[in-house]
PDB file of all heavy atoms in Angstrom:
ATOM      1  N   VAL A   1      20.288   5.176 -15.866  1.00  0.00           N
ATOM      2  CA  VAL A   1      19.320   4.073 -15.926  1.00  0.00           C
ATOM      3  C   VAL A   1      18.527   4.001 -14.618  1.00  0.00           C
ATOM      4  O   VAL A   1      19.109   4.006 -13.529  1.00  0.00           O
ATOM      5  CB  VAL A   1      20.018   2.725 -16.187  1.00  0.00           C
ATOM      6  CG1 VAL A   1      19.010   1.579 -16.168  1.00  0.00           C
ATOM      7  CG2 VAL A   1      20.745   2.760 -17.530  1.00  0.00           C
ATOM      8  N   HIS A   2      17.199   3.893 -14.738  1.00  0.00           N
ATOM      9  CA  HIS A   2      16.330   3.797 -13.561  1.00  0.00           C
ATOM     10  C   HIS A   2      16.005   2.319 -13.330  1.00  0.00           C
ATOM     11  O   HIS A   2      15.038   1.776 -13.870  1.00  0.00           O
ATOM     12  CB  HIS A   2      15.048   4.595 -13.791  1.00  0.00           C
ATOM     13  CG  HIS A   2      14.126   4.616 -12.612  1.00  0.00           C
ATOM     14  ND1 HIS A   2      14.510   5.071 -11.372  1.00  0.00           N
ATOM     15  CD2 HIS A   2      12.826   4.246 -12.495  1.00  0.00           C
ATOM     16  CE1 HIS A   2      13.501   4.969 -10.526  1.00  0.00           C
ATOM     17  NE2 HIS A   2      12.478   4.467 -11.183  1.00  0.00           N
ATOM     18  N   TYR A   3      16.837   1.660 -12.517  1.00  0.00           N
ATOM     19  CA  TYR A   3      16.696   0.227 -12.343  1.00  0.00           C
ATOM     20  C   TYR A   3      15.420  -0.214 -11.623  1.00  0.00           C
ATOM     21  O   TYR A   3      14.900  -1.306 -11.912  1.00  0.00           O
ATOM     22  CB  TYR A   3      17.936  -0.346 -11.658  1.00  0.00           C
ATOM     23  CG  TYR A   3      19.062  -0.583 -12.649  1.00  0.00           C
ATOM     24  CD1 TYR A   3      20.153   0.266 -12.703  1.00  0.00           C
ATOM     25  CD2 TYR A   3      18.999  -1.632 -13.552  1.00  0.00           C
ATOM     26  CE1 TYR A   3      21.169   0.063 -13.630  1.00  0.00           C
ATOM     27  CE2 TYR A   3      20.011  -1.851 -14.477  1.00  0.00           C
ATOM     28  CZ  TYR A   3      21.087  -0.997 -14.511  1.00  0.00           C
ATOM     29  OH  TYR A   3      22.087  -1.198 -15.429  1.00  0.00           O
ATOM     30  N   PRO A   4      14.864   0.555 -10.690  1.00  0.00           N
ATOM     31  CA  PRO A   4      13.610   0.100 -10.085  1.00  0.00           C
ATOM     32  C   PRO A   4      12.512  -0.192 -11.113  1.00  0.00           C
ATOM     33  O   PRO A   4      11.762  -1.159 -10.964  1.00  0.00           O
ATOM     34  CB  PRO A   4      13.238   1.259  -9.154  1.00  0.00           C
ATOM     35  CG  PRO A   4      14.553   1.831  -8.745  1.00  0.00           C
ATOM     36  CD  PRO A   4      15.409   1.751  -9.975  1.00  0.00           C
ATOM     37  N   ALA A   5      12.409   0.606 -12.160  1.00  0.00           N
ATOM     38  CA  ALA A   5      11.405   0.350 -13.192  1.00  0.00           C
ATOM     39  C   ALA A   5      11.706  -0.933 -13.945  1.00  0.00           C
ATOM     40  O   ALA A   5      10.791  -1.712 -14.277  1.00  0.00           O
ATOM     41  CB  ALA A   5      11.344   1.527 -14.156  1.00  0.00           C
ATOM     42  N   LEU A   6      12.977  -1.198 -14.195  1.00  0.00           N
ATOM     43  CA  LEU A   6      13.365  -2.433 -14.883  1.00  0.00           C
ATOM     44  C   LEU A   6      13.105  -3.648 -13.992  1.00  0.00           C
ATOM     45  O   LEU A   6      12.621  -4.683 -14.465  1.00  0.00           O
ATOM     46  CB  LEU A   6      14.833  -2.360 -15.293  1.00  0.00           C
ATOM     47  CG  LEU A   6      15.115  -1.386 -16.430  1.00  0.00           C
ATOM     48  CD1 LEU A   6      16.572  -0.963 -16.437  1.00  0.00           C
ATOM     49  CD2 LEU A   6      14.738  -2.001 -17.774  1.00  0.00           C
ATOM     50  N   PHE A   7      13.411  -3.535 -12.698  1.00  0.00           N
ATOM     51  CA  PHE A   7      13.129  -4.633 -11.779  1.00  0.00           C
ATOM     52  C   PHE A   7      11.621  -4.919 -11.707  1.00  0.00           C
ATOM     53  O   PHE A   7      11.192  -6.079 -11.669  1.00  0.00           O
ATOM     54  CB  PHE A   7      13.657  -4.317 -10.382  1.00  0.00           C
ATOM     55  CG  PHE A   7      15.146  -4.367 -10.248  1.00  0.00           C
ATOM     56  CD1 PHE A   7      15.769  -3.897  -9.109  1.00  0.00           C
ATOM     57  CD2 PHE A   7      15.947  -4.892 -11.249  1.00  0.00           C
ATOM     58  CE1 PHE A   7      17.143  -3.940  -8.956  1.00  0.00           C
ATOM     59  CE2 PHE A   7      17.324  -4.951 -11.116  1.00  0.00           C
ATOM     60  CZ  PHE A   7      17.928  -4.471  -9.969  1.00  0.00           C
ATOM     61  N   GLU A   8      10.835  -3.865 -11.685  1.00  0.00           N
ATOM     62  CA  GLU A   8       9.380  -4.040 -11.640  1.00  0.00           C
ATOM     63  C   GLU A   8       8.896  -4.790 -12.883  1.00  0.00           C
ATOM     64  O   GLU A   8       8.063  -5.700 -12.782  1.00  0.00           O
ATOM     65  CB  GLU A   8       8.690  -2.697 -11.544  1.00  0.00           C
ATOM     66  CG  GLU A   8       7.167  -2.792 -11.459  1.00  0.00           C
ATOM     67  CD  GLU A   8       6.497  -1.439 -11.347  1.00  0.00           C
ATOM     68  OE1 GLU A   8       7.195  -0.407 -11.346  1.00  0.00           O
ATOM     69  OE2 GLU A   8       5.251  -1.415 -11.250  1.00  0.00           O
ATOM     70  N   ARG A   9       9.428  -4.427 -14.044  1.00  0.00           N
ATOM     71  CA  ARG A   9       9.011  -5.094 -15.274  1.00  0.00           C
ATOM     72  C   ARG A   9       9.487  -6.545 -15.311  1.00  0.00           C
ATOM     73  O   ARG A   9       8.757  -7.426 -15.771  1.00  0.00           O
ATOM     74  CB  ARG A   9       9.545  -4.333 -16.497  1.00  0.00           C
ATOM     75  CG  ARG A   9       8.969  -4.877 -17.812  1.00  0.00           C
ATOM     76  CD  ARG A   9       7.489  -4.583 -17.909  1.00  0.00           C
ATOM     77  NE  ARG A   9       6.904  -5.091 -19.149  1.00  0.00           N
ATOM     78  CZ  ARG A   9       5.970  -6.021 -19.209  1.00  0.00           C
ATOM     79  NH1 ARG A   9       5.493  -6.569 -18.074  1.00  0.00           N
ATOM     80  NH2 ARG A   9       5.471  -6.403 -20.355  1.00  0.00           N
ATOM     81  N   MET A  10      10.685  -6.813 -14.801  1.00  0.00           N
ATOM     82  CA  MET A  10      11.138  -8.199 -14.698  1.00  0.00           C
ATOM     83  C   MET A  10      10.134  -9.018 -13.891  1.00  0.00           C
ATOM     84  O   MET A  10       9.817 -10.164 -14.236  1.00  0.00           O
ATOM     85  CB  MET A  10      12.511  -8.264 -14.022  1.00  0.00           C
ATOM     86  CG  MET A  10      13.667  -7.755 -14.844  1.00  0.00           C
ATOM     87  SD  MET A  10      15.186  -7.776 -13.841  1.00  0.00           S
ATOM     88  CE  MET A  10      16.158  -6.519 -14.680  1.00  0.00           C
ATOM     89  N   GLY A  11       9.653  -8.420 -12.798  1.00  0.00           N
ATOM     90  CA  GLY A  11       8.694  -9.122 -11.958  1.00  0.00           C
ATOM     91  C   GLY A  11       7.397  -9.409 -12.666  1.00  0.00           C
ATOM     92  O   GLY A  11       6.854 -10.522 -12.564  1.00  0.00           O
ATOM     93  N   THR A  12       6.865  -8.425 -13.395  1.00  0.00           N
ATOM     94  CA  THR A  12       5.589  -8.655 -14.085  1.00  0.00           C
ATOM     95  C   THR A  12       5.736  -9.626 -15.242  1.00  0.00           C
ATOM     96  O   THR A  12       4.787 -10.324 -15.589  1.00  0.00           O
ATOM     97  CB  THR A  12       4.998  -7.326 -14.602  1.00  0.00           C
ATOM     98  OG1 THR A  12       5.906  -6.725 -15.525  1.00  0.00           O
ATOM     99  CG2 THR A  12       4.721  -6.375 -13.450  1.00  0.00           C
ATOM    100  N   LEU A  13       6.931  -9.704 -15.810  1.00  0.00           N
ATOM    101  CA  LEU A  13       7.187 -10.691 -16.864  1.00  0.00           C
ATOM    102  C   LEU A  13       7.379 -12.095 -16.303  1.00  0.00           C
ATOM    103  O   LEU A  13       7.337 -13.079 -17.047  1.00  0.00           O
ATOM    104  CB  LEU A  13       8.435 -10.296 -17.664  1.00  0.00           C
ATOM    105  CG  LEU A  13       8.274  -9.091 -18.596  1.00  0.00           C
ATOM    106  CD1 LEU A  13       9.637  -8.622 -19.098  1.00  0.00           C
ATOM    107  CD2 LEU A  13       7.361  -9.417 -19.771  1.00  0.00           C
ATOM    108  N   GLY A  14       7.630 -12.175 -14.995  1.00  0.00           N
ATOM    109  CA  GLY A  14       7.806 -13.470 -14.362  1.00  0.00           C
ATOM    110  C   GLY A  14       9.239 -13.954 -14.328  1.00  0.00           C
ATOM    111  O   GLY A  14       9.484 -15.160 -14.255  1.00  0.00           O
ATOM    112  N   TYR A  15      10.197 -13.027 -14.343  1.00  0.00           N
ATOM    113  CA  TYR A  15      11.600 -13.433 -14.303  1.00  0.00           C
ATOM    114  C   TYR A  15      11.913 -14.069 -12.954  1.00  0.00           C
ATOM    115  O   TYR A  15      11.692 -13.475 -11.895  1.00  0.00           O
ATOM    116  CB  TYR A  15      12.507 -12.231 -14.537  1.00  0.00           C
ATOM    117  CG  TYR A  15      13.979 -12.598 -14.582  1.00  0.00           C
ATOM    118  CD1 TYR A  15      14.479 -13.391 -15.602  1.00  0.00           C
ATOM    119  CD2 TYR A  15      14.862 -12.153 -13.595  1.00  0.00           C
ATOM    120  CE1 TYR A  15      15.823 -13.731 -15.647  1.00  0.00           C
ATOM    121  CE2 TYR A  15      16.209 -12.482 -13.633  1.00  0.00           C
ATOM    122  CZ  TYR A  15      16.687 -13.279 -14.666  1.00  0.00           C
ATOM    123  OH  TYR A  15      18.025 -13.614 -14.704  1.00  0.00           O
ATOM    124  N   SER A  16      12.455 -15.272 -12.982  1.00  0.00           N
ATOM    125  CA  SER A  16      12.760 -15.996 -11.750  1.00  0.00           C
ATOM    126  C   SER A  16      14.259 -16.279 -11.613  1.00  0.00           C
ATOM    127  O   SER A  16      14.668 -16.987 -10.692  1.00  0.00           O
ATOM    128  CB  SER A  16      11.992 -17.327 -11.716  1.00  0.00           C
ATOM    129  OG  SER A  16      12.329 -18.140 -12.840  1.00  0.00           O
ATOM    130  N   GLY A  17      15.052 -15.737 -12.523  1.00  0.00           N
ATOM    131  CA  GLY A  17      16.489 -15.960 -12.479  1.00  0.00           C
ATOM    132  C   GLY A  17      17.200 -14.968 -11.573  1.00  0.00           C
ATOM    133  O   GLY A  17      16.588 -14.281 -10.753  1.00  0.00           O
ATOM    134  N   TRP A  18      18.518 -14.911 -11.747  1.00  0.00           N
ATOM    135  CA  TRP A  18      19.359 -14.044 -10.937  1.00  0.00           C
ATOM    136  C   TRP A  18      19.652 -12.745 -11.664  1.00  0.00           C
ATOM    137  O   TRP A  18      19.661 -12.695 -12.896  1.00  0.00           O
ATOM    138  CB  TRP A  18      20.662 -14.749 -10.606  1.00  0.00           C
ATOM    139  CG  TRP A  18      20.505 -15.887  -9.665  1.00  0.00           C
ATOM    140  CD1 TRP A  18      20.274 -17.192  -9.982  1.00  0.00           C
ATOM    141  CD2 TRP A  18      20.544 -15.835  -8.234  1.00  0.00           C
ATOM    142  NE1 TRP A  18      20.175 -17.958  -8.848  1.00  0.00           N
ATOM    143  CE2 TRP A  18      20.337 -17.145  -7.756  1.00  0.00           C
ATOM    144  CE3 TRP A  18      20.741 -14.802  -7.325  1.00  0.00           C
ATOM    145  CZ2 TRP A  18      20.326 -17.448  -6.406  1.00  0.00           C
ATOM    146  CZ3 TRP A  18      20.727 -15.102  -5.974  1.00  0.00           C
ATOM    147  CH2 TRP A  18      20.528 -16.417  -5.520  1.00  0.00           C
ATOM    148  N   VAL A  19      19.935 -11.710 -10.875  1.00  0.00           N
ATOM    149  CA  VAL A  19      20.418 -10.432 -11.399  1.00  0.00           C
ATOM    150  C   VAL A  19      21.820 -10.230 -10.828  1.00  0.00           C
ATOM    151  O   VAL A  19      21.989 -10.031  -9.626  1.00  0.00           O
ATOM    152  CB  VAL A  19      19.496  -9.273 -11.004  1.00  0.00           C
ATOM    153  CG1 VAL A  19      20.100  -7.934 -11.440  1.00  0.00           C
ATOM    154  CG2 VAL A  19      18.109  -9.457 -11.609  1.00  0.00           C
ATOM    155  N   GLY A  20      22.822 -10.321 -11.698  1.00  0.00           N
ATOM    156  CA  GLY A  20      24.204 -10.182 -11.273  1.00  0.00           C
ATOM    157  C   GLY A  20      24.610  -8.725 -11.157  1.00  0.00           C
ATOM    158  O   GLY A  20      24.403  -7.936 -12.075  1.00  0.00           O
ATOM    159  N   CYS A  21      25.190  -8.361 -10.019  1.00  0.00           N
ATOM    160  CA  CYS A  21      25.626  -6.992  -9.764  1.00  0.00           C
ATOM    161  C   CYS A  21      27.091  -6.883 -10.178  1.00  0.00           C
ATOM    162  O   CYS A  21      28.008  -7.135  -9.386  1.00  0.00           O
ATOM    163  CB  CYS A  21      25.433  -6.644  -8.295  1.00  0.00           C
ATOM    164  SG  CYS A  21      23.707  -6.781  -7.764  1.00  0.00           S
ATOM    165  N   GLU A  22      27.283  -6.521 -11.437  1.00  0.00           N
ATOM    166  CA  GLU A  22      28.621  -6.497 -12.027  1.00  0.00           C
ATOM    167  C   GLU A  22      29.037  -5.035 -12.230  1.00  0.00           C
ATOM    168  O   GLU A  22      29.107  -4.534 -13.342  1.00  0.00           O
ATOM    169  CB  GLU A  22      28.632  -7.253 -13.355  1.00  0.00           C
ATOM    170  CG  GLU A  22      30.030  -7.496 -13.893  1.00  0.00           C
ATOM    171  CD  GLU A  22      30.041  -8.173 -15.243  1.00  0.00           C
ATOM    172  OE1 GLU A  22      29.172  -7.873 -16.089  1.00  0.00           O
ATOM    173  OE2 GLU A  22      30.940  -9.014 -15.464  1.00  0.00           O
ATOM    174  N   TYR A  23      29.307  -4.381 -11.113  1.00  0.00           N
ATOM    175  CA  TYR A  23      29.687  -2.973 -11.173  1.00  0.00           C
ATOM    176  C   TYR A  23      30.901  -2.716 -10.284  1.00  0.00           C
ATOM    177  O   TYR A  23      31.247  -3.535  -9.429  1.00  0.00           O
ATOM    178  CB  TYR A  23      28.515  -2.078 -10.766  1.00  0.00           C
ATOM    179  CG  TYR A  23      28.050  -2.214  -9.335  1.00  0.00           C
ATOM    180  CD1 TYR A  23      28.670  -1.519  -8.293  1.00  0.00           C
ATOM    181  CD2 TYR A  23      26.956  -3.029  -9.005  1.00  0.00           C
ATOM    182  CE1 TYR A  23      28.232  -1.638  -6.980  1.00  0.00           C
ATOM    183  CE2 TYR A  23      26.503  -3.144  -7.698  1.00  0.00           C
ATOM    184  CZ  TYR A  23      27.155  -2.454  -6.694  1.00  0.00           C
ATOM    185  OH  TYR A  23      26.713  -2.578  -5.393  1.00  0.00           O
ATOM    186  N   ARG A  24      31.539  -1.574 -10.518  1.00  0.00           N
ATOM    187  CA  ARG A  24      32.701  -1.167  -9.736  1.00  0.00           C
ATOM    188  C   ARG A  24      32.260  -0.170  -8.672  1.00  0.00           C
ATOM    189  O   ARG A  24      31.858   0.960  -9.007  1.00  0.00           O
ATOM    190  CB  ARG A  24      33.767  -0.548 -10.640  1.00  0.00           C
ATOM    191  CG  ARG A  24      34.455  -1.534 -11.555  1.00  0.00           C
ATOM    192  CD  ARG A  24      35.591  -0.879 -12.324  1.00  0.00           C
ATOM    193  NE  ARG A  24      35.087   0.008 -13.356  1.00  0.00           N
ATOM    194  CZ  ARG A  24      34.884  -0.344 -14.623  1.00  0.00           C
ATOM    195  NH1 ARG A  24      35.138  -1.593 -15.003  1.00  0.00           N
ATOM    196  NH2 ARG A  24      34.430   0.528 -15.499  1.00  0.00           N
ATOM    197  N   PRO A  25      32.324  -0.533  -7.406  1.00  0.00           N
ATOM    198  CA  PRO A  25      31.905   0.400  -6.341  1.00  0.00           C
ATOM    199  C   PRO A  25      32.734   1.683  -6.377  1.00  0.00           C
ATOM    200  O   PRO A  25      33.930   1.665  -6.682  1.00  0.00           O
ATOM    201  CB  PRO A  25      32.167  -0.389  -5.060  1.00  0.00           C
ATOM    202  CG  PRO A  25      32.158  -1.830  -5.483  1.00  0.00           C
ATOM    203  CD  PRO A  25      32.723  -1.840  -6.857  1.00  0.00           C
ATOM    204  N   GLN A  26      32.073   2.793  -6.042  1.00  0.00           N
ATOM    205  CA  GLN A  26      32.780   4.066  -6.005  1.00  0.00           C
ATOM    206  C   GLN A  26      33.750   4.136  -4.835  1.00  0.00           C
ATOM    207  O   GLN A  26      34.759   4.839  -4.897  1.00  0.00           O
ATOM    208  CB  GLN A  26      31.782   5.212  -5.893  1.00  0.00           C
ATOM    209  CG  GLN A  26      30.880   5.344  -7.103  1.00  0.00           C
ATOM    210  CD  GLN A  26      29.937   6.522  -6.975  1.00  0.00           C
ATOM    211  OE1 GLN A  26      30.237   7.626  -7.420  1.00  0.00           O
ATOM    212  NE2 GLN A  26      28.783   6.286  -6.373  1.00  0.00           N
ATOM    213  N   ALA A  27      33.458   3.394  -3.780  1.00  0.00           N
ATOM    214  CA  ALA A  27      34.327   3.366  -2.601  1.00  0.00           C
ATOM    215  C   ALA A  27      34.258   1.952  -2.028  1.00  0.00           C
ATOM    216  O   ALA A  27      34.244   0.981  -2.781  1.00  0.00           O
ATOM    217  CB  ALA A  27      33.886   4.422  -1.595  1.00  0.00           C
ATOM    218  N   GLU A  28      34.206   1.825  -0.727  1.00  0.00           N
ATOM    219  CA  GLU A  28      34.074   0.504  -0.095  1.00  0.00           C
ATOM    220  C   GLU A  28      32.725  -0.095  -0.467  1.00  0.00           C
ATOM    221  O   GLU A  28      31.703   0.600  -0.473  1.00  0.00           O
ATOM    222  CB  GLU A  28      34.220   0.663   1.421  1.00  0.00           C
ATOM    223  CG  GLU A  28      34.364  -0.636   2.182  1.00  0.00           C
ATOM    224  CD  GLU A  28      33.016  -1.181   2.643  1.00  0.00           C
ATOM    225  OE1 GLU A  28      32.054  -0.393   2.739  1.00  0.00           O
ATOM    226  OE2 GLU A  28      32.939  -2.390   2.909  1.00  0.00           O
ATOM    227  N   THR A  29      32.696  -1.362  -0.800  1.00  0.00           N
ATOM    228  CA  THR A  29      31.487  -1.975  -1.378  1.00  0.00           C
ATOM    229  C   THR A  29      30.269  -1.790  -0.494  1.00  0.00           C
ATOM    230  O   THR A  29      29.193  -1.378  -0.962  1.00  0.00           O
ATOM    231  CB  THR A  29      31.722  -3.480  -1.615  1.00  0.00           C
ATOM    232  OG1 THR A  29      32.848  -3.650  -2.474  1.00  0.00           O
ATOM    233  CG2 THR A  29      30.492  -4.110  -2.246  1.00  0.00           C
ATOM    234  N   ARG A  30      30.393  -2.096   0.770  1.00  0.00           N
ATOM    235  CA  ARG A  30      29.238  -2.097   1.676  1.00  0.00           C
ATOM    236  C   ARG A  30      28.618  -0.703   1.768  1.00  0.00           C
ATOM    237  O   ARG A  30      27.388  -0.567   1.866  1.00  0.00           O
ATOM    238  CB  ARG A  30      29.683  -2.592   3.050  1.00  0.00           C
ATOM    239  CG  ARG A  30      28.572  -3.042   3.985  1.00  0.00           C
ATOM    240  CD  ARG A  30      28.014  -4.399   3.564  1.00  0.00           C
ATOM    241  NE  ARG A  30      26.982  -4.825   4.485  1.00  0.00           N
ATOM    242  CZ  ARG A  30      27.188  -5.652   5.526  1.00  0.00           C
ATOM    243  NH1 ARG A  30      28.400  -6.120   5.763  1.00  0.00           N
ATOM    244  NH2 ARG A  30      26.187  -6.003   6.297  1.00  0.00           N
ATOM    245  N   ALA A  31      29.464   0.328   1.690  1.00  0.00           N
ATOM    246  CA  ALA A  31      28.960   1.692   1.817  1.00  0.00           C
ATOM    247  C   ALA A  31      28.051   2.089   0.666  1.00  0.00           C
ATOM    248  O   ALA A  31      27.230   2.991   0.802  1.00  0.00           O
ATOM    249  CB  ALA A  31      30.134   2.672   1.904  1.00  0.00           C
ATOM    250  N   GLY A  32      28.172   1.404  -0.450  1.00  0.00           N
ATOM    251  CA  GLY A  32      27.384   1.750  -1.617  1.00  0.00           C
ATOM    252  C   GLY A  32      26.197   0.856  -1.881  1.00  0.00           C
ATOM    253  O   GLY A  32      25.610   0.914  -2.963  1.00  0.00           O
ATOM    254  N   LEU A  33      25.811   0.027  -0.905  1.00  0.00           N
ATOM    255  CA  LEU A  33      24.730  -0.941  -1.130  1.00  0.00           C
ATOM    256  C   LEU A  33      23.347  -0.419  -0.761  1.00  0.00           C
ATOM    257  O   LEU A  33      22.372  -1.165  -0.825  1.00  0.00           O
ATOM    258  CB  LEU A  33      25.009  -2.237  -0.355  1.00  0.00           C
ATOM    259  CG  LEU A  33      26.192  -3.069  -0.840  1.00  0.00           C
ATOM    260  CD1 LEU A  33      26.336  -4.320   0.021  1.00  0.00           C
ATOM    261  CD2 LEU A  33      26.047  -3.463  -2.307  1.00  0.00           C
ATOM    262  N   GLY A  34      23.249   0.851  -0.419  1.00  0.00           N
ATOM    263  CA  GLY A  34      21.939   1.389  -0.056  1.00  0.00           C
ATOM    264  C   GLY A  34      20.901   1.235  -1.150  1.00  0.00           C
ATOM    265  O   GLY A  34      19.710   1.069  -0.858  1.00  0.00           O
ATOM    266  N   TRP A  35      21.336   1.268  -2.402  1.00  0.00           N
ATOM    267  CA  TRP A  35      20.391   1.101  -3.517  1.00  0.00           C
ATOM    268  C   TRP A  35      19.658  -0.225  -3.452  1.00  0.00           C
ATOM    269  O   TRP A  35      18.533  -0.357  -3.962  1.00  0.00           O
ATOM    270  CB  TRP A  35      21.139   1.187  -4.853  1.00  0.00           C
ATOM    271  CG  TRP A  35      22.057   0.014  -5.082  1.00  0.00           C
ATOM    272  CD1 TRP A  35      23.375  -0.094  -4.741  1.00  0.00           C
ATOM    273  CD2 TRP A  35      21.707  -1.247  -5.670  1.00  0.00           C
ATOM    274  NE1 TRP A  35      23.882  -1.319  -5.065  1.00  0.00           N
ATOM    275  CE2 TRP A  35      22.875  -2.057  -5.643  1.00  0.00           C
ATOM    276  CE3 TRP A  35      20.543  -1.778  -6.217  1.00  0.00           C
ATOM    277  CZ2 TRP A  35      22.905  -3.355  -6.141  1.00  0.00           C
ATOM    278  CZ3 TRP A  35      20.564  -3.072  -6.710  1.00  0.00           C
ATOM    279  CH2 TRP A  35      21.736  -3.851  -6.673  1.00  0.00           C
ATOM    280  N   GLY A  36      20.276  -1.243  -2.836  1.00  0.00           N
ATOM    281  CA  GLY A  36      19.723  -2.591  -2.852  1.00  0.00           C
ATOM    282  C   GLY A  36      18.873  -2.958  -1.658  1.00  0.00           C
ATOM    283  O   GLY A  36      18.405  -4.106  -1.551  1.00  0.00           O
ATOM    284  N   LYS A  37      18.630  -2.019  -0.756  1.00  0.00           N
ATOM    285  CA  LYS A  37      17.859  -2.346   0.451  1.00  0.00           C
ATOM    286  C   LYS A  37      16.465  -2.904   0.147  1.00  0.00           C
ATOM    287  O   LYS A  37      16.020  -3.849   0.814  1.00  0.00           O
ATOM    288  CB  LYS A  37      17.761  -1.123   1.356  1.00  0.00           C
ATOM    289  CG  LYS A  37      19.064  -0.805   2.090  1.00  0.00           C
ATOM    290  CD  LYS A  37      18.907   0.383   3.036  1.00  0.00           C
ATOM    291  CE  LYS A  37      20.198   0.666   3.782  1.00  0.00           C
ATOM    292  NZ  LYS A  37      20.071   1.810   4.695  1.00  0.00           N
ATOM    293  N   PRO A  38      15.739  -2.374  -0.850  1.00  0.00           N
ATOM    294  CA  PRO A  38      14.408  -2.958  -1.141  1.00  0.00           C
ATOM    295  C   PRO A  38      14.472  -4.410  -1.593  1.00  0.00           C
ATOM    296  O   PRO A  38      13.457  -5.107  -1.566  1.00  0.00           O
ATOM    297  CB  PRO A  38      13.879  -2.058  -2.260  1.00  0.00           C
ATOM    298  CG  PRO A  38      14.614  -0.775  -2.121  1.00  0.00           C
ATOM    299  CD  PRO A  38      15.973  -1.167  -1.658  1.00  0.00           C
TER     300      PRO A  38
END
C-alpha cells in the first residue's frame, strides 16, 4: 500500500480526523518511524 497517495487524497477530501497507527513495529518502535517524518 502506498500511503502517501492515500494521505494526499484524505487532504483533498478535507479529512480533519485522526489517523491511527495500528501496526506492529518490525523492531524498536522509534527506529521504524522514518515513514512518518513528513
